[in-house]
């Protein structure tokens, strides 16, 4: 896993939420996605696979939340950034 690329990708999602959050997306959903991106970023920065650092029984939900909430053209920018994180997380 390319931890540096993952760190940058997670930071891109965080920056988008902080600076250009979609107006019609639930604040709760955006907060949850942002918090998961911070977790991913911080673990990637430490050279750890974020998926293996989750508590037992926990799973990332950011992709599901995004797929349910983000649909309009202005929201697709954030969706694309989130998709990039997912690609990096599953890339071997």
PDB file of N, CA and C in Angstrom:
ATOM      1  N   UNK A   1       0.856  -1.180   0.000  1.00  0.00           N
ATOM      2  CA  UNK A   1       0.000   0.000   0.000  1.00  0.00           C
ATOM      3  C   UNK A   1       0.900   1.240   0.000  1.00  0.00           C
ATOM      4  N   UNK A   2       0.518   2.189  -0.816  1.00  0.00           N
ATOM      5  CA  UNK A   2       1.265   3.447  -0.893  1.00  0.00           C
ATOM      6  C   UNK A   2       0.705   4.394   0.167  1.00  0.00           C
ATOM      7  N   UNK A   3       1.345   4.388   1.331  1.00  0.00           N
ATOM      8  CA  UNK A   3       0.832   5.177   2.459  1.00  0.00           C
ATOM      9  C   UNK A   3       0.892   6.674   2.192  1.00  0.00           C
ATOM     10  N   UNK A   4       1.897   7.127   1.476  1.00  0.00           N
ATOM     11  CA  UNK A   4       1.992   8.558   1.172  1.00  0.00           C
ATOM     12  C   UNK A   4       0.833   8.995   0.273  1.00  0.00           C
ATOM     13  N   UNK A   5       0.527   8.205  -0.740  1.00  0.00           N
ATOM     14  CA  UNK A   5      -0.599   8.532  -1.629  1.00  0.00           C
ATOM     15  C   UNK A   5      -1.913   8.481  -0.856  1.00  0.00           C
ATOM     16  N   UNK A   6      -2.049   7.516   0.046  1.00  0.00           N
ATOM     17  CA  UNK A   6      -3.259   7.407   0.856  1.00  0.00           C
ATOM     18  C   UNK A   6      -3.407   8.611   1.779  1.00  0.00           C
ATOM     19  N   UNK A   7      -2.314   9.027   2.387  1.00  0.00           N
ATOM     20  CA  UNK A   7      -2.320  10.216   3.255  1.00  0.00           C
ATOM     21  C   UNK A   7      -2.794  11.440   2.469  1.00  0.00           C
ATOM     22  N   UNK A   8      -2.248  11.628   1.276  1.00  0.00           N
ATOM     23  CA  UNK A   8      -2.619  12.773   0.437  1.00  0.00           C
ATOM     24  C   UNK A   8      -4.093  12.686   0.032  1.00  0.00           C
ATOM     25  N   UNK A   9      -4.541  11.492  -0.351  1.00  0.00           N
ATOM     26  CA  UNK A   9      -5.927  11.323  -0.786  1.00  0.00           C
ATOM     27  C   UNK A   9      -6.903  11.601   0.358  1.00  0.00           C
ATOM     28  N   UNK A  10      -6.602  11.095   1.534  1.00  0.00           N
ATOM     29  CA  UNK A  10      -7.468  11.359   2.694  1.00  0.00           C
ATOM     30  C   UNK A  10      -7.470  12.845   3.033  1.00  0.00           C
ATOM     31  N   UNK A  11      -6.318  13.476   2.946  1.00  0.00           N
ATOM     32  CA  UNK A  11      -6.242  14.924   3.185  1.00  0.00           C
ATOM     33  C   UNK A  11      -7.076  15.704   2.174  1.00  0.00           C
ATOM     34  N   UNK A  12      -7.105  15.230   0.931  1.00  0.00           N
ATOM     35  CA  UNK A  12      -7.912  15.899  -0.097  1.00  0.00           C
ATOM     36  C   UNK A  12      -9.402  15.857   0.269  1.00  0.00           C
ATOM     37  N   UNK A  13      -9.858  14.725   0.789  1.00  0.00           N
ATOM     38  CA  UNK A  13     -11.260  14.607   1.206  1.00  0.00           C
ATOM     39  C   UNK A  13     -11.529  15.553   2.374  1.00  0.00           C
ATOM     40  N   UNK A  14     -10.631  15.559   3.349  1.00  0.00           N
ATOM     41  CA  UNK A  14     -10.784  16.436   4.514  1.00  0.00           C
ATOM     42  C   UNK A  14     -10.841  17.894   4.080  1.00  0.00           C
ATOM     43  N   UNK A  15      -9.938  18.284   3.196  1.00  0.00           N
ATOM     44  CA  UNK A  15      -9.903  19.671   2.720  1.00  0.00           C
ATOM     45  C   UNK A  15     -11.188  20.028   1.972  1.00  0.00           C
ATOM     46  N   UNK A  16     -11.690  19.118   1.171  1.00  0.00           N
ATOM     47  CA  UNK A  16     -12.927  19.376   0.431  1.00  0.00           C
ATOM     48  C   UNK A  16     -14.096  19.564   1.394  1.00  0.00           C
ATOM     49  N   UNK A  17     -14.175  18.713   2.405  1.00  0.00           N
ATOM     50  CA  UNK A  17     -15.256  18.845   3.390  1.00  0.00           C
ATOM     51  C   UNK A  17     -15.114  20.152   4.162  1.00  0.00           C
ATOM     52  N   UNK A  18     -13.891  20.495   4.549  1.00  0.00           N
ATOM     53  CA  UNK A  18     -13.666  21.711   5.334  1.00  0.00           C
ATOM     54  C   UNK A  18     -13.882  22.990   4.533  1.00  0.00           C
ATOM     55  N   UNK A  19     -13.523  22.971   3.253  1.00  0.00           N
ATOM     56  CA  UNK A  19     -13.504  24.204   2.469  1.00  0.00           C
ATOM     57  C   UNK A  19     -14.610  24.331   1.428  1.00  0.00           C
ATOM     58  N   UNK A  20     -15.195  23.198   1.059  1.00  0.00           N
ATOM     59  CA  UNK A  20     -16.181  23.243  -0.032  1.00  0.00           C
ATOM     60  C   UNK A  20     -17.206  22.129   0.124  1.00  0.00           C
ATOM     61  N   UNK A  21     -17.716  21.959   1.314  1.00  0.00           N
ATOM     62  CA  UNK A  21     -18.667  20.878   1.589  1.00  0.00           C
ATOM     63  C   UNK A  21     -19.947  21.075   0.791  1.00  0.00           C
ATOM     64  N   UNK A  22     -20.489  19.997   0.258  1.00  0.00           N
ATOM     65  CA  UNK A  22     -21.776  20.101  -0.437  1.00  0.00           C
ATOM     66  C   UNK A  22     -22.849  20.661   0.501  1.00  0.00           C
ATOM     67  N   UNK A  23     -23.608  21.596   0.015  1.00  0.00           N
ATOM     68  CA  UNK A  23     -24.592  22.283   0.857  1.00  0.00           C
ATOM     69  C   UNK A  23     -25.775  21.423   1.259  1.00  0.00           C
ATOM     70  N   UNK A  24     -26.111  20.442   0.455  1.00  0.00           N
ATOM     71  CA  UNK A  24     -27.328  19.676   0.715  1.00  0.00           C
ATOM     72  C   UNK A  24     -27.040  18.293   1.305  1.00  0.00           C
ATOM     73  N   UNK A  25     -25.844  18.113   1.816  1.00  0.00           N
ATOM     74  CA  UNK A  25     -25.472  16.841   2.430  1.00  0.00           C
ATOM     75  C   UNK A  25     -25.561  16.987   3.941  1.00  0.00           C
ATOM     76  N   UNK A  26     -26.038  15.975   4.595  1.00  0.00           N
ATOM     77  CA  UNK A  26     -26.186  15.986   6.046  1.00  0.00           C
ATOM     78  C   UNK A  26     -24.859  16.292   6.737  1.00  0.00           C
ATOM     79  N   UNK A  27     -24.896  17.211   7.676  1.00  0.00           N
ATOM     80  CA  UNK A  27     -23.696  17.553   8.450  1.00  0.00           C
ATOM     81  C   UNK A  27     -23.186  16.331   9.211  1.00  0.00           C
ATOM     82  N   UNK A  28     -24.103  15.511   9.700  1.00  0.00           N
ATOM     83  CA  UNK A  28     -23.729  14.290  10.424  1.00  0.00           C
ATOM     84  C   UNK A  28     -22.937  13.339   9.528  1.00  0.00           C
ATOM     85  N   UNK A  29     -23.393  13.174   8.303  1.00  0.00           N
ATOM     86  CA  UNK A  29     -22.704  12.298   7.353  1.00  0.00           C
ATOM     87  C   UNK A  29     -21.325  12.858   7.027  1.00  0.00           C
ATOM     88  N   UNK A  30     -21.248  14.148   6.765  1.00  0.00           N
ATOM     89  CA  UNK A  30     -19.956  14.754   6.456  1.00  0.00           C
ATOM     90  C   UNK A  30     -18.990  14.629   7.632  1.00  0.00           C
ATOM     91  N   UNK A  31     -19.488  14.792   8.841  1.00  0.00           N
ATOM     92  CA  UNK A  31     -18.639  14.644  10.027  1.00  0.00           C
ATOM     93  C   UNK A  31     -18.123  13.221  10.140  1.00  0.00           C
ATOM     94  N   UNK A  32     -18.981  12.250   9.903  1.00  0.00           N
ATOM     95  CA  UNK A  32     -18.567  10.854   9.972  1.00  0.00           C
ATOM     96  C   UNK A  32     -17.515  10.537   8.914  1.00  0.00           C
ATOM     97  N   UNK A  33     -17.750  10.981   7.688  1.00  0.00           N
ATOM     98  CA  UNK A  33     -16.770  10.748   6.619  1.00  0.00           C
ATOM     99  C   UNK A  33     -15.455  11.435   6.965  1.00  0.00           C
ATOM    100  N   UNK A  34     -15.521  12.663   7.434  1.00  0.00           N
ATOM    101  CA  UNK A  34     -14.307  13.397   7.789  1.00  0.00           C
ATOM    102  C   UNK A  34     -13.532  12.682   8.891  1.00  0.00           C
ATOM    103  N   UNK A  35     -14.226  12.237   9.925  1.00  0.00           N
ATOM    104  CA  UNK A  35     -13.553  11.547  11.027  1.00  0.00           C
ATOM    105  C   UNK A  35     -12.865  10.263  10.556  1.00  0.00           C
ATOM    106  N   UNK A  36     -13.508   9.546   9.646  1.00  0.00           N
ATOM    107  CA  UNK A  36     -12.893   8.335   9.112  1.00  0.00           C
ATOM    108  C   UNK A  36     -11.663   8.676   8.269  1.00  0.00           C
ATOM    109  N   UNK A  37     -11.724   9.779   7.540  1.00  0.00           N
ATOM    110  CA  UNK A  37     -10.571  10.206   6.741  1.00  0.00           C
ATOM    111  C   UNK A  37      -9.399  10.625   7.635  1.00  0.00           C
ATOM    112  N   UNK A  38      -9.701  11.257   8.754  1.00  0.00           N
ATOM    113  CA  UNK A  38      -8.640  11.620   9.708  1.00  0.00           C
ATOM    114  C   UNK A  38      -7.972  10.347  10.234  1.00  0.00           C
ATOM    115  N   UNK A  39      -8.760   9.349  10.560  1.00  0.00           N
ATOM    116  CA  UNK A  39      -8.228   8.062  11.035  1.00  0.00           C
ATOM    117  C   UNK A  39      -7.345   7.430   9.962  1.00  0.00           C
ATOM    118  N   UNK A  40      -7.821   7.422   8.726  1.00  0.00           N
ATOM    119  CA  UNK A  40      -7.052   6.853   7.621  1.00  0.00           C
ATOM    120  C   UNK A  40      -5.764   7.644   7.427  1.00  0.00           C
ATOM    121  N   UNK A  41      -5.868   8.954   7.380  1.00  0.00           N
ATOM    122  CA  UNK A  41      -4.688   9.805   7.190  1.00  0.00           C
ATOM    123  C   UNK A  41      -3.649   9.593   8.279  1.00  0.00           C
ATOM    124  N   UNK A  42      -4.087   9.588   9.517  1.00  0.00           N
ATOM    125  CA  UNK A  42      -3.152   9.465  10.634  1.00  0.00           C
ATOM    126  C   UNK A  42      -2.455   8.115  10.643  1.00  0.00           C
ATOM    127  N   UNK A  43      -3.171   7.064  10.305  1.00  0.00           N
ATOM    128  CA  UNK A  43      -2.539   5.744  10.246  1.00  0.00           C
ATOM    129  C   UNK A  43      -1.608   5.626   9.046  1.00  0.00           C
ATOM    130  N   UNK A  44      -2.006   6.179   7.924  1.00  0.00           N
ATOM    131  CA  UNK A  44      -1.134   6.175   6.752  1.00  0.00           C
ATOM    132  C   UNK A  44       0.150   6.952   7.041  1.00  0.00           C
ATOM    133  N   UNK A  45       0.021   8.070   7.744  1.00  0.00           N
ATOM    134  CA  UNK A  45       1.205   8.872   8.101  1.00  0.00           C
ATOM    135  C   UNK A  45       2.164   8.084   8.981  1.00  0.00           C
ATOM    136  N   UNK A  46       1.624   7.179   9.785  1.00  0.00           N
ATOM    137  CA  UNK A  46       2.440   6.357  10.677  1.00  0.00           C
ATOM    138  C   UNK A  46       2.904   5.066   9.993  1.00  0.00           C
ATOM    139  N   UNK A  47       2.561   4.901   8.708  1.00  0.00           N
ATOM    140  CA  UNK A  47       2.980   3.709   7.979  1.00  0.00           C
ATOM    141  C   UNK A  47       2.202   2.458   8.356  1.00  0.00           C
ATOM    142  N   UNK A  48       0.977   2.663   8.813  1.00  0.00           N
ATOM    143  CA  UNK A  48       0.127   1.527   9.201  1.00  0.00           C
ATOM    144  C   UNK A  48      -1.075   1.434   8.274  1.00  0.00           C
ATOM    145  N   UNK A  49      -1.495   0.214   8.014  1.00  0.00           N
ATOM    146  CA  UNK A  49      -2.686  -0.019   7.205  1.00  0.00           C
ATOM    147  C   UNK A  49      -3.908   0.344   8.051  1.00  0.00           C
ATOM    148  N   UNK A  50      -4.658   1.368   7.659  1.00  0.00           N
ATOM    149  CA  UNK A  50      -5.810   1.782   8.465  1.00  0.00           C
ATOM    150  C   UNK A  50      -6.832   0.673   8.691  1.00  0.00           C
ATOM    151  N   UNK A  51      -7.008  -0.197   7.723  1.00  0.00           N
ATOM    152  CA  UNK A  51      -7.996  -1.262   7.857  1.00  0.00           C
ATOM    153  C   UNK A  51      -7.636  -2.237   8.967  1.00  0.00           C
ATOM    154  N   UNK A  52      -6.355  -2.457   9.191  1.00  0.00           N
ATOM    155  CA  UNK A  52      -5.948  -3.388  10.243  1.00  0.00           C
ATOM    156  C   UNK A  52      -5.881  -2.707  11.602  1.00  0.00           C
ATOM    157  N   UNK A  53      -6.000  -1.410  11.625  1.00  0.00           N
ATOM    158  CA  UNK A  53      -5.953  -0.657  12.881  1.00  0.00           C
ATOM    159  C   UNK A  53      -7.337  -0.431  13.493  1.00  0.00           C
ATOM    160  N   UNK A  54      -8.377  -0.802  12.778  1.00  0.00           N
ATOM    161  CA  UNK A  54      -9.731  -0.657  13.311  1.00  0.00           C
ATOM    162  C   UNK A  54      -9.935  -1.582  14.501  1.00  0.00           C
ATOM    163  N   UNK A  55     -10.791  -1.171  15.406  1.00  0.00           N
ATOM    164  CA  UNK A  55     -11.166  -2.024  16.537  1.00  0.00           C
ATOM    165  C   UNK A  55     -11.825  -3.285  16.001  1.00  0.00           C
ATOM    166  N   UNK A  56     -11.729  -4.346  16.751  1.00  0.00           N
ATOM    167  CA  UNK A  56     -12.346  -5.612  16.355  1.00  0.00           C
ATOM    168  C   UNK A  56     -13.838  -5.417  16.092  1.00  0.00           C
ATOM    169  N   UNK A  57     -14.285  -5.884  14.953  1.00  0.00           N
ATOM    170  CA  UNK A  57     -15.686  -5.770  14.592  1.00  0.00           C
ATOM    171  C   UNK A  57     -16.067  -4.460  13.927  1.00  0.00           C
ATOM    172  N   UNK A  58     -15.152  -3.513  13.878  1.00  0.00           N
ATOM    173  CA  UNK A  58     -15.439  -2.219  13.247  1.00  0.00           C
ATOM    174  C   UNK A  58     -15.130  -2.272  11.757  1.00  0.00           C
ATOM    175  N   UNK A  59     -15.837  -1.452  11.007  1.00  0.00           N
ATOM    176  CA  UNK A  59     -15.631  -1.357   9.565  1.00  0.00           C
ATOM    177  C   UNK A  59     -15.724   0.108   9.153  1.00  0.00           C
ATOM    178  N   UNK A  60     -15.055   0.422   8.056  1.00  0.00           N
ATOM    179  CA  UNK A  60     -15.219   1.752   7.492  1.00  0.00           C
ATOM    180  C   UNK A  60     -16.592   1.838   6.830  1.00  0.00           C
ATOM    181  N   UNK A  61     -17.256   2.960   7.035  1.00  0.00           N
ATOM    182  CA  UNK A  61     -18.580   3.171   6.448  1.00  0.00           C
ATOM    183  C   UNK A  61     -18.620   4.377   5.512  1.00  0.00           C
ATOM    184  N   UNK A  62     -17.484   5.034   5.342  1.00  0.00           N
ATOM    185  CA  UNK A  62     -17.476   6.273   4.564  1.00  0.00           C
ATOM    186  C   UNK A  62     -17.974   6.069   3.135  1.00  0.00           C
ATOM    187  N   UNK A  63     -17.629   4.959   2.497  1.00  0.00           N
ATOM    188  CA  UNK A  63     -18.029   4.733   1.107  1.00  0.00           C
ATOM    189  C   UNK A  63     -19.545   4.529   0.994  1.00  0.00           C
ATOM    190  N   UNK A  64     -20.114   3.809   1.950  1.00  0.00           N
ATOM    191  CA  UNK A  64     -21.564   3.591   1.945  1.00  0.00           C
ATOM    192  C   UNK A  64     -22.288   4.911   2.185  1.00  0.00           C
ATOM    193  N   UNK A  65     -21.808   5.666   3.169  1.00  0.00           N
ATOM    194  CA  UNK A  65     -22.424   6.970   3.452  1.00  0.00           C
ATOM    195  C   UNK A  65     -22.363   7.869   2.227  1.00  0.00           C
ATOM    196  N   UNK A  66     -21.203   7.904   1.591  1.00  0.00           N
ATOM    197  CA  UNK A  66     -21.037   8.755   0.415  1.00  0.00           C
ATOM    198  C   UNK A  66     -21.953   8.315  -0.723  1.00  0.00           C
ATOM    199  N   UNK A  67     -22.056   7.010  -0.942  1.00  0.00           N
ATOM    200  CA  UNK A  67     -22.894   6.538  -2.049  1.00  0.00           C
ATOM    201  C   UNK A  67     -24.369   6.848  -1.813  1.00  0.00           C
ATOM    202  N   UNK A  68     -24.776   6.916  -0.568  1.00  0.00           N
ATOM    203  CA  UNK A  68     -26.177   7.226  -0.259  1.00  0.00           C
ATOM    204  C   UNK A  68     -26.467   8.719  -0.292  1.00  0.00           C
ATOM    205  N   UNK A  69     -25.485   9.527   0.050  1.00  0.00           N
ATOM    206  CA  UNK A  69     -25.702  10.970   0.217  1.00  0.00           C
ATOM    207  C   UNK A  69     -25.277  11.818  -0.976  1.00  0.00           C
ATOM    208  N   UNK A  70     -24.262  11.398  -1.688  1.00  0.00           N
ATOM    209  CA  UNK A  70     -23.672  12.252  -2.715  1.00  0.00           C
ATOM    210  C   UNK A  70     -24.161  11.839  -4.096  1.00  0.00           C
ATOM    211  N   UNK A  71     -24.929  12.709  -4.729  1.00  0.00           N
ATOM    212  CA  UNK A  71     -25.488  12.357  -6.031  1.00  0.00           C
ATOM    213  C   UNK A  71     -25.504  13.514  -7.023  1.00  0.00           C
ATOM    214  N   UNK A  72     -25.623  14.735  -6.542  1.00  0.00           N
ATOM    215  CA  UNK A  72     -25.722  15.873  -7.460  1.00  0.00           C
ATOM    216  C   UNK A  72     -24.355  16.175  -8.071  1.00  0.00           C
ATOM    217  N   UNK A  73     -24.346  16.885  -9.179  1.00  0.00           N
ATOM    218  CA  UNK A  73     -23.070  17.180  -9.839  1.00  0.00           C
ATOM    219  C   UNK A  73     -22.039  17.869  -8.940  1.00  0.00           C
ATOM    220  N   UNK A  74     -22.470  18.799  -8.089  1.00  0.00           N
ATOM    221  CA  UNK A  74     -21.501  19.473  -7.218  1.00  0.00           C
ATOM    222  C   UNK A  74     -20.984  18.534  -6.121  1.00  0.00           C
ATOM    223  N   UNK A  75     -21.740  17.513  -5.793  1.00  0.00           N
ATOM    224  CA  UNK A  75     -21.301  16.551  -4.782  1.00  0.00           C
ATOM    225  C   UNK A  75     -20.362  15.492  -5.362  1.00  0.00           C
ATOM    226  N   UNK A  76     -20.348  15.361  -6.681  1.00  0.00           N
ATOM    227  CA  UNK A  76     -19.522  14.335  -7.312  1.00  0.00           C
ATOM    228  C   UNK A  76     -18.025  14.627  -7.169  1.00  0.00           C
ATOM    229  N   UNK A  77     -17.665  15.863  -6.967  1.00  0.00           N
ATOM    230  CA  UNK A  77     -16.263  16.188  -6.718  1.00  0.00           C
ATOM    231  C   UNK A  77     -15.796  15.483  -5.450  1.00  0.00           C
ATOM    232  N   UNK A  78     -16.575  15.592  -4.399  1.00  0.00           N
ATOM    233  CA  UNK A  78     -16.249  14.914  -3.146  1.00  0.00           C
ATOM    234  C   UNK A  78     -16.310  13.401  -3.322  1.00  0.00           C
ATOM    235  N   UNK A  79     -17.308  12.906  -4.043  1.00  0.00           N
ATOM    236  CA  UNK A  79     -17.425  11.464  -4.281  1.00  0.00           C
ATOM    237  C   UNK A  79     -16.179  10.925  -4.986  1.00  0.00           C
ATOM    238  N   UNK A  80     -15.682  11.654  -5.966  1.00  0.00           N
ATOM    239  CA  UNK A  80     -14.478  11.218  -6.686  1.00  0.00           C
ATOM    240  C   UNK A  80     -13.267  11.154  -5.754  1.00  0.00           C
ATOM    241  N   UNK A  81     -13.142  12.118  -4.867  1.00  0.00           N
ATOM    242  CA  UNK A  81     -12.040  12.108  -3.903  1.00  0.00           C
ATOM    243  C   UNK A  81     -12.149  10.914  -2.958  1.00  0.00           C
ATOM    244  N   UNK A  82     -13.360  10.627  -2.528  1.00  0.00           N
ATOM    245  CA  UNK A  82     -13.595   9.488  -1.645  1.00  0.00           C
ATOM    246  C   UNK A  82     -13.306   8.178  -2.378  1.00  0.00           C
ATOM    247  N   UNK A  83     -13.716   8.095  -3.628  1.00  0.00           N
ATOM    248  CA  UNK A  83     -13.430   6.899  -4.427  1.00  0.00           C
ATOM    249  C   UNK A  83     -11.931   6.662  -4.558  1.00  0.00           C
ATOM    250  N   UNK A  84     -11.172   7.728  -4.659  1.00  0.00           N
ATOM    251  CA  UNK A  84      -9.715   7.598  -4.753  1.00  0.00           C
ATOM    252  C   UNK A  84      -9.138   6.974  -3.482  1.00  0.00           C
ATOM    253  N   UNK A  85      -9.640   7.390  -2.328  1.00  0.00           N
ATOM    254  CA  UNK A  85      -9.196   6.789  -1.060  1.00  0.00           C
ATOM    255  C   UNK A  85      -9.492   5.296  -1.065  1.00  0.00           C
ATOM    256  N   UNK A  86     -10.692   4.944  -1.489  1.00  0.00           N
ATOM    257  CA  UNK A  86     -11.080   3.536  -1.513  1.00  0.00           C
ATOM    258  C   UNK A  86     -10.166   2.732  -2.441  1.00  0.00           C
ATOM    259  N   UNK A  87      -9.879   3.253  -3.614  1.00  0.00           N
ATOM    260  CA  UNK A  87      -8.989   2.559  -4.556  1.00  0.00           C
ATOM    261  C   UNK A  87      -7.622   2.309  -3.920  1.00  0.00           C
ATOM    262  N   UNK A  88      -7.110   3.303  -3.236  1.00  0.00           N
ATOM    263  CA  UNK A  88      -5.792   3.147  -2.596  1.00  0.00           C
ATOM    264  C   UNK A  88      -5.837   2.160  -1.448  1.00  0.00           C
ATOM    265  N   UNK A  89      -6.950   2.112  -0.738  1.00  0.00           N
ATOM    266  CA  UNK A  89      -7.084   1.199   0.391  1.00  0.00           C
ATOM    267  C   UNK A  89      -7.136  -0.265  -0.063  1.00  0.00           C
ATOM    268  N   UNK A  90      -7.729  -0.516  -1.229  1.00  0.00           N
ATOM    269  CA  UNK A  90      -7.861  -1.903  -1.670  1.00  0.00           C
ATOM    270  C   UNK A  90      -6.760  -2.334  -2.621  1.00  0.00           C
ATOM    271  N   UNK A  91      -5.951  -1.384  -3.070  1.00  0.00           N
ATOM    272  CA  UNK A  91      -4.855  -1.696  -3.988  1.00  0.00           C
ATOM    273  C   UNK A  91      -3.765  -2.460  -3.224  1.00  0.00           C
ATOM    274  N   UNK A  92      -3.341  -3.525  -3.804  1.00  0.00           N
ATOM    275  CA  UNK A  92      -2.294  -4.353  -3.175  1.00  0.00           C
ATOM    276  C   UNK A  92      -0.925  -3.894  -3.574  1.00  0.00           C
TER     277      UNK A  92
END
